[in-house]
Amino acid sequence: MIKSELVQKLAEKNPGLQHKVVERVVTTIFNEIVEALASGKRVELRGFGAFSTRGRMARTGRNPRTGESVAVDAKRVPYFKAGKELRERLNKE
């Protein structure tokens, strides 16, 4: 599912809300999650999961085309851990 599909489904389930309003709400939620992660905070959505960041150390990589060594800087990457309810629903048989 892509963002526009999510907005469309939410708009269909809430006919009293205009499409633009639903789109603004979804965009605001995503922006708040990104801002929290950028500032080093953790975002937890009960029943769904938790977003956080993890640090990766600097390393030496290789250019796959030339085989040349390349320095890769240290960086933070997003990490998602699924919540218990989500895992149970995915594995329900």
N, C-alpha and C. Protein backbone atom coordinates (compact mmCIF):
# COMPACT_ATOMS: atom_id res chain seq x y z
N MET A 1 0.85 -1.18 0.00
CA MET A 1 0.00 0.00 0.00
C MET A 1 0.89 1.24 0.00
N ILE A 2 0.53 2.20 -0.82
CA ILE A 2 1.26 3.45 -0.86
C ILE A 2 0.43 4.53 -0.16
N LYS A 3 1.05 5.66 0.08
CA LYS A 3 0.41 6.72 0.86
C LYS A 3 -0.93 7.16 0.26
N SER A 4 -1.00 7.31 -1.05
CA SER A 4 -2.25 7.75 -1.67
C SER A 4 -3.36 6.71 -1.49
N GLU A 5 -3.02 5.43 -1.48
CA GLU A 5 -4.01 4.38 -1.24
C GLU A 5 -4.52 4.44 0.20
N LEU A 6 -3.61 4.70 1.14
CA LEU A 6 -4.00 4.85 2.54
C LEU A 6 -4.96 6.02 2.70
N VAL A 7 -4.64 7.14 2.09
CA VAL A 7 -5.50 8.33 2.16
C VAL A 7 -6.87 8.00 1.56
N GLN A 8 -6.89 7.32 0.43
CA GLN A 8 -8.15 6.97 -0.24
C GLN A 8 -9.01 6.08 0.65
N LYS A 9 -8.42 5.06 1.27
CA LYS A 9 -9.18 4.15 2.16
C LYS A 9 -9.74 4.90 3.36
N LEU A 10 -8.92 5.76 3.96
CA LEU A 10 -9.39 6.53 5.12
C LEU A 10 -10.52 7.47 4.73
N ALA A 11 -10.42 8.08 3.56
CA ALA A 11 -11.47 8.99 3.08
C ALA A 11 -12.77 8.22 2.83
N GLU A 12 -12.66 7.00 2.30
CA GLU A 12 -13.84 6.18 2.05
C GLU A 12 -14.52 5.77 3.36
N LYS A 13 -13.72 5.46 4.38
CA LYS A 13 -14.27 5.02 5.66
C LYS A 13 -14.80 6.18 6.50
N ASN A 14 -14.43 7.40 6.14
CA ASN A 14 -14.87 8.60 6.85
C ASN A 14 -15.47 9.59 5.85
N PRO A 15 -16.68 9.32 5.37
CA PRO A 15 -17.27 10.17 4.32
C PRO A 15 -17.52 11.61 4.76
N GLY A 16 -17.54 11.86 6.06
CA GLY A 16 -17.75 13.22 6.55
C GLY A 16 -16.52 14.11 6.42
N LEU A 17 -15.37 13.50 6.12
CA LEU A 17 -14.13 14.27 5.99
C LEU A 17 -13.77 14.44 4.53
N GLN A 18 -13.30 15.63 4.20
CA GLN A 18 -12.86 15.89 2.84
C GLN A 18 -11.53 15.17 2.58
N HIS A 19 -11.31 14.83 1.32
CA HIS A 19 -10.09 14.13 0.93
C HIS A 19 -8.84 14.92 1.32
N LYS A 20 -8.88 16.24 1.13
CA LYS A 20 -7.72 17.09 1.47
C LYS A 20 -7.42 17.05 2.96
N VAL A 21 -8.46 16.99 3.79
CA VAL A 21 -8.27 16.95 5.24
C VAL A 21 -7.61 15.63 5.64
N VAL A 22 -8.09 14.53 5.08
CA VAL A 22 -7.52 13.22 5.38
C VAL A 22 -6.05 13.18 4.95
N GLU A 23 -5.76 13.72 3.77
CA GLU A 23 -4.38 13.75 3.27
C GLU A 23 -3.49 14.57 4.20
N ARG A 24 -3.99 15.70 4.69
CA ARG A 24 -3.22 16.54 5.60
C ARG A 24 -2.95 15.82 6.92
N VAL A 25 -3.93 15.08 7.43
CA VAL A 25 -3.76 14.33 8.67
C VAL A 25 -2.69 13.25 8.52
N VAL A 26 -2.76 12.49 7.43
CA VAL A 26 -1.77 11.43 7.19
C VAL A 26 -0.38 12.02 7.05
N THR A 27 -0.25 13.10 6.29
CA THR A 27 1.04 13.75 6.11
C THR A 27 1.58 14.28 7.43
N THR A 28 0.72 14.85 8.26
CA THR A 28 1.15 15.36 9.57
C THR A 28 1.64 14.24 10.46
N ILE A 29 0.94 13.12 10.47
CA ILE A 29 1.38 11.98 11.30
C ILE A 29 2.75 11.50 10.85
N PHE A 30 2.93 11.32 9.55
CA PHE A 30 4.24 10.87 9.05
C PHE A 30 5.34 11.88 9.37
N ASN A 31 5.05 13.17 9.21
CA ASN A 31 6.05 14.19 9.51
C ASN A 31 6.44 14.19 10.98
N GLU A 32 5.48 13.99 11.87
CA GLU A 32 5.77 13.95 13.30
C GLU A 32 6.64 12.75 13.66
N ILE A 33 6.38 11.61 13.02
CA ILE A 33 7.21 10.43 13.26
C ILE A 33 8.63 10.70 12.80
N VAL A 34 8.78 11.29 11.63
CA VAL A 34 10.12 11.58 11.09
C VAL A 34 10.85 12.58 11.99
N GLU A 35 10.16 13.63 12.43
CA GLU A 35 10.80 14.63 13.30
C GLU A 35 11.23 14.02 14.63
N ALA A 36 10.41 13.15 15.20
CA ALA A 36 10.77 12.50 16.46
C ALA A 36 12.00 11.63 16.27
N LEU A 37 12.06 10.87 15.19
CA LEU A 37 13.22 10.01 14.94
C LEU A 37 14.47 10.85 14.68
N ALA A 38 14.31 11.96 13.96
CA ALA A 38 15.44 12.84 13.67
C ALA A 38 16.03 13.44 14.93
N SER A 39 15.17 13.65 15.95
CA SER A 39 15.67 14.23 17.20
C SER A 39 16.11 13.14 18.19
N GLY A 40 16.14 11.89 17.74
CA GLY A 40 16.65 10.82 18.59
C GLY A 40 15.62 10.16 19.48
N LYS A 41 14.35 10.49 19.30
CA LYS A 41 13.29 9.90 20.12
C LYS A 41 12.80 8.59 19.51
N ARG A 42 12.05 7.86 20.30
CA ARG A 42 11.45 6.60 19.88
C ARG A 42 9.94 6.83 19.74
N VAL A 43 9.33 6.25 18.71
CA VAL A 43 7.90 6.40 18.48
C VAL A 43 7.25 5.02 18.61
N GLU A 44 6.30 4.90 19.55
CA GLU A 44 5.63 3.61 19.77
C GLU A 44 4.14 3.75 19.49
N LEU A 45 3.63 2.89 18.63
CA LEU A 45 2.22 2.84 18.32
C LEU A 45 1.71 1.50 18.86
N ARG A 46 0.99 1.54 19.98
CA ARG A 46 0.55 0.33 20.66
C ARG A 46 -0.22 -0.58 19.71
N GLY A 47 0.14 -1.85 19.73
CA GLY A 47 -0.51 -2.84 18.89
C GLY A 47 0.06 -2.90 17.49
N PHE A 48 0.83 -1.90 17.09
CA PHE A 48 1.42 -1.88 15.75
C PHE A 48 2.91 -2.14 15.81
N GLY A 49 3.64 -1.28 16.55
CA GLY A 49 5.08 -1.46 16.67
C GLY A 49 5.77 -0.19 17.11
N ALA A 50 7.09 -0.25 17.10
CA ALA A 50 7.89 0.89 17.56
C ALA A 50 8.95 1.24 16.51
N PHE A 51 9.09 2.53 16.27
CA PHE A 51 10.11 3.06 15.37
C PHE A 51 11.23 3.65 16.22
N SER A 52 12.46 3.39 15.84
CA SER A 52 13.60 3.98 16.51
C SER A 52 14.73 4.08 15.49
N THR A 53 15.87 4.57 15.93
CA THR A 53 17.03 4.63 15.04
C THR A 53 18.17 3.82 15.64
N ARG A 54 19.02 3.34 14.79
CA ARG A 54 20.21 2.62 15.23
C ARG A 54 21.41 3.23 14.51
N GLY A 55 22.52 3.24 15.21
CA GLY A 55 23.73 3.80 14.62
C GLY A 55 24.53 2.74 13.88
N ARG A 56 25.10 3.13 12.78
CA ARG A 56 26.01 2.25 12.04
C ARG A 56 27.38 2.91 12.06
N MET A 57 28.38 2.12 12.36
CA MET A 57 29.74 2.64 12.45
C MET A 57 30.30 2.89 11.04
N ALA A 58 31.29 3.74 10.97
CA ALA A 58 31.98 3.98 9.71
C ALA A 58 32.68 2.69 9.29
N ARG A 59 32.79 2.48 7.99
CA ARG A 59 33.42 1.26 7.51
C ARG A 59 34.02 1.50 6.13
N THR A 60 34.73 0.52 5.66
CA THR A 60 35.27 0.58 4.32
C THR A 60 34.43 -0.34 3.44
N GLY A 61 33.84 0.22 2.40
CA GLY A 61 33.03 -0.56 1.47
C GLY A 61 33.74 -0.70 0.15
N ARG A 62 33.08 -1.33 -0.79
CA ARG A 62 33.66 -1.51 -2.12
C ARG A 62 32.68 -1.04 -3.18
N ASN A 63 33.21 -0.36 -4.18
CA ASN A 63 32.41 0.01 -5.34
C ASN A 63 32.20 -1.26 -6.15
N PRO A 64 30.95 -1.72 -6.33
CA PRO A 64 30.73 -2.99 -7.02
C PRO A 64 31.14 -2.98 -8.48
N ARG A 65 31.15 -1.82 -9.09
CA ARG A 65 31.50 -1.74 -10.50
C ARG A 65 33.01 -1.83 -10.72
N THR A 66 33.78 -1.11 -9.88
CA THR A 66 35.23 -1.05 -10.09
C THR A 66 36.01 -1.89 -9.09
N GLY A 67 35.40 -2.27 -7.97
CA GLY A 67 36.11 -3.02 -6.94
C GLY A 67 36.96 -2.14 -6.05
N GLU A 68 36.92 -0.83 -6.29
CA GLU A 68 37.72 0.12 -5.52
C GLU A 68 37.17 0.29 -4.11
N SER A 69 38.06 0.44 -3.11
CA SER A 69 37.64 0.67 -1.73
C SER A 69 37.07 2.08 -1.58
N VAL A 70 35.99 2.18 -0.81
CA VAL A 70 35.31 3.45 -0.60
C VAL A 70 35.02 3.59 0.89
N ALA A 71 35.29 4.78 1.44
CA ALA A 71 34.99 5.04 2.85
C ALA A 71 33.49 5.34 2.99
N VAL A 72 32.83 4.62 3.89
CA VAL A 72 31.41 4.83 4.16
C VAL A 72 31.31 5.45 5.54
N ASP A 73 30.73 6.65 5.63
CA ASP A 73 30.62 7.37 6.90
C ASP A 73 29.67 6.68 7.87
N ALA A 74 29.83 7.00 9.14
CA ALA A 74 28.90 6.54 10.17
C ALA A 74 27.55 7.21 9.93
N LYS A 75 26.47 6.51 10.27
CA LYS A 75 25.15 7.10 10.05
C LYS A 75 24.12 6.43 10.96
N ARG A 76 22.98 7.09 11.07
CA ARG A 76 21.84 6.53 11.80
C ARG A 76 20.83 6.03 10.78
N VAL A 77 20.25 4.87 11.04
CA VAL A 77 19.26 4.31 10.12
C VAL A 77 17.98 4.01 10.90
N PRO A 78 16.82 4.12 10.25
CA PRO A 78 15.56 3.82 10.94
C PRO A 78 15.43 2.32 11.20
N TYR A 79 14.76 1.98 12.30
CA TYR A 79 14.55 0.60 12.68
C TYR A 79 13.11 0.46 13.15
N PHE A 80 12.45 -0.63 12.75
CA PHE A 80 11.07 -0.88 13.16
C PHE A 80 10.98 -2.25 13.81
N LYS A 81 10.33 -2.29 14.96
CA LYS A 81 10.09 -3.56 15.63
C LYS A 81 8.58 -3.72 15.74
N ALA A 82 8.06 -4.78 15.14
CA ALA A 82 6.62 -5.02 15.14
C ALA A 82 6.12 -5.32 16.55
N GLY A 83 4.92 -4.84 16.86
CA GLY A 83 4.30 -5.09 18.15
C GLY A 83 3.70 -6.49 18.22
N LYS A 84 3.36 -6.90 19.42
CA LYS A 84 2.83 -8.24 19.66
C LYS A 84 1.55 -8.50 18.87
N GLU A 85 0.61 -7.55 18.90
CA GLU A 85 -0.66 -7.72 18.17
C GLU A 85 -0.44 -7.88 16.67
N LEU A 86 0.45 -7.09 16.11
CA LEU A 86 0.74 -7.17 14.68
C LEU A 86 1.34 -8.53 14.34
N ARG A 87 2.30 -8.98 15.12
CA ARG A 87 2.91 -10.30 14.88
C ARG A 87 1.87 -11.41 14.97
N GLU A 88 0.98 -11.33 15.97
CA GLU A 88 -0.06 -12.36 16.12
C GLU A 88 -1.02 -12.38 14.96
N ARG A 89 -1.41 -11.20 14.46
CA ARG A 89 -2.33 -11.14 13.32
C ARG A 89 -1.68 -11.66 12.04
N LEU A 90 -0.38 -11.41 11.88
CA LEU A 90 0.31 -11.89 10.69
C LEU A 90 0.47 -13.40 10.71
N ASN A 91 0.59 -13.99 11.89
CA ASN A 91 0.85 -15.42 12.01
C ASN A 91 -0.40 -16.22 12.38
N LYS A 92 -1.57 -15.59 12.33
CA LYS A 92 -2.82 -16.28 12.63
C LYS A 92 -3.14 -17.25 11.50
N GLU A 93 -3.52 -18.45 11.85
CA GLU A 93 -3.86 -19.45 10.81
C GLU A 93 -5.27 -19.91 10.91
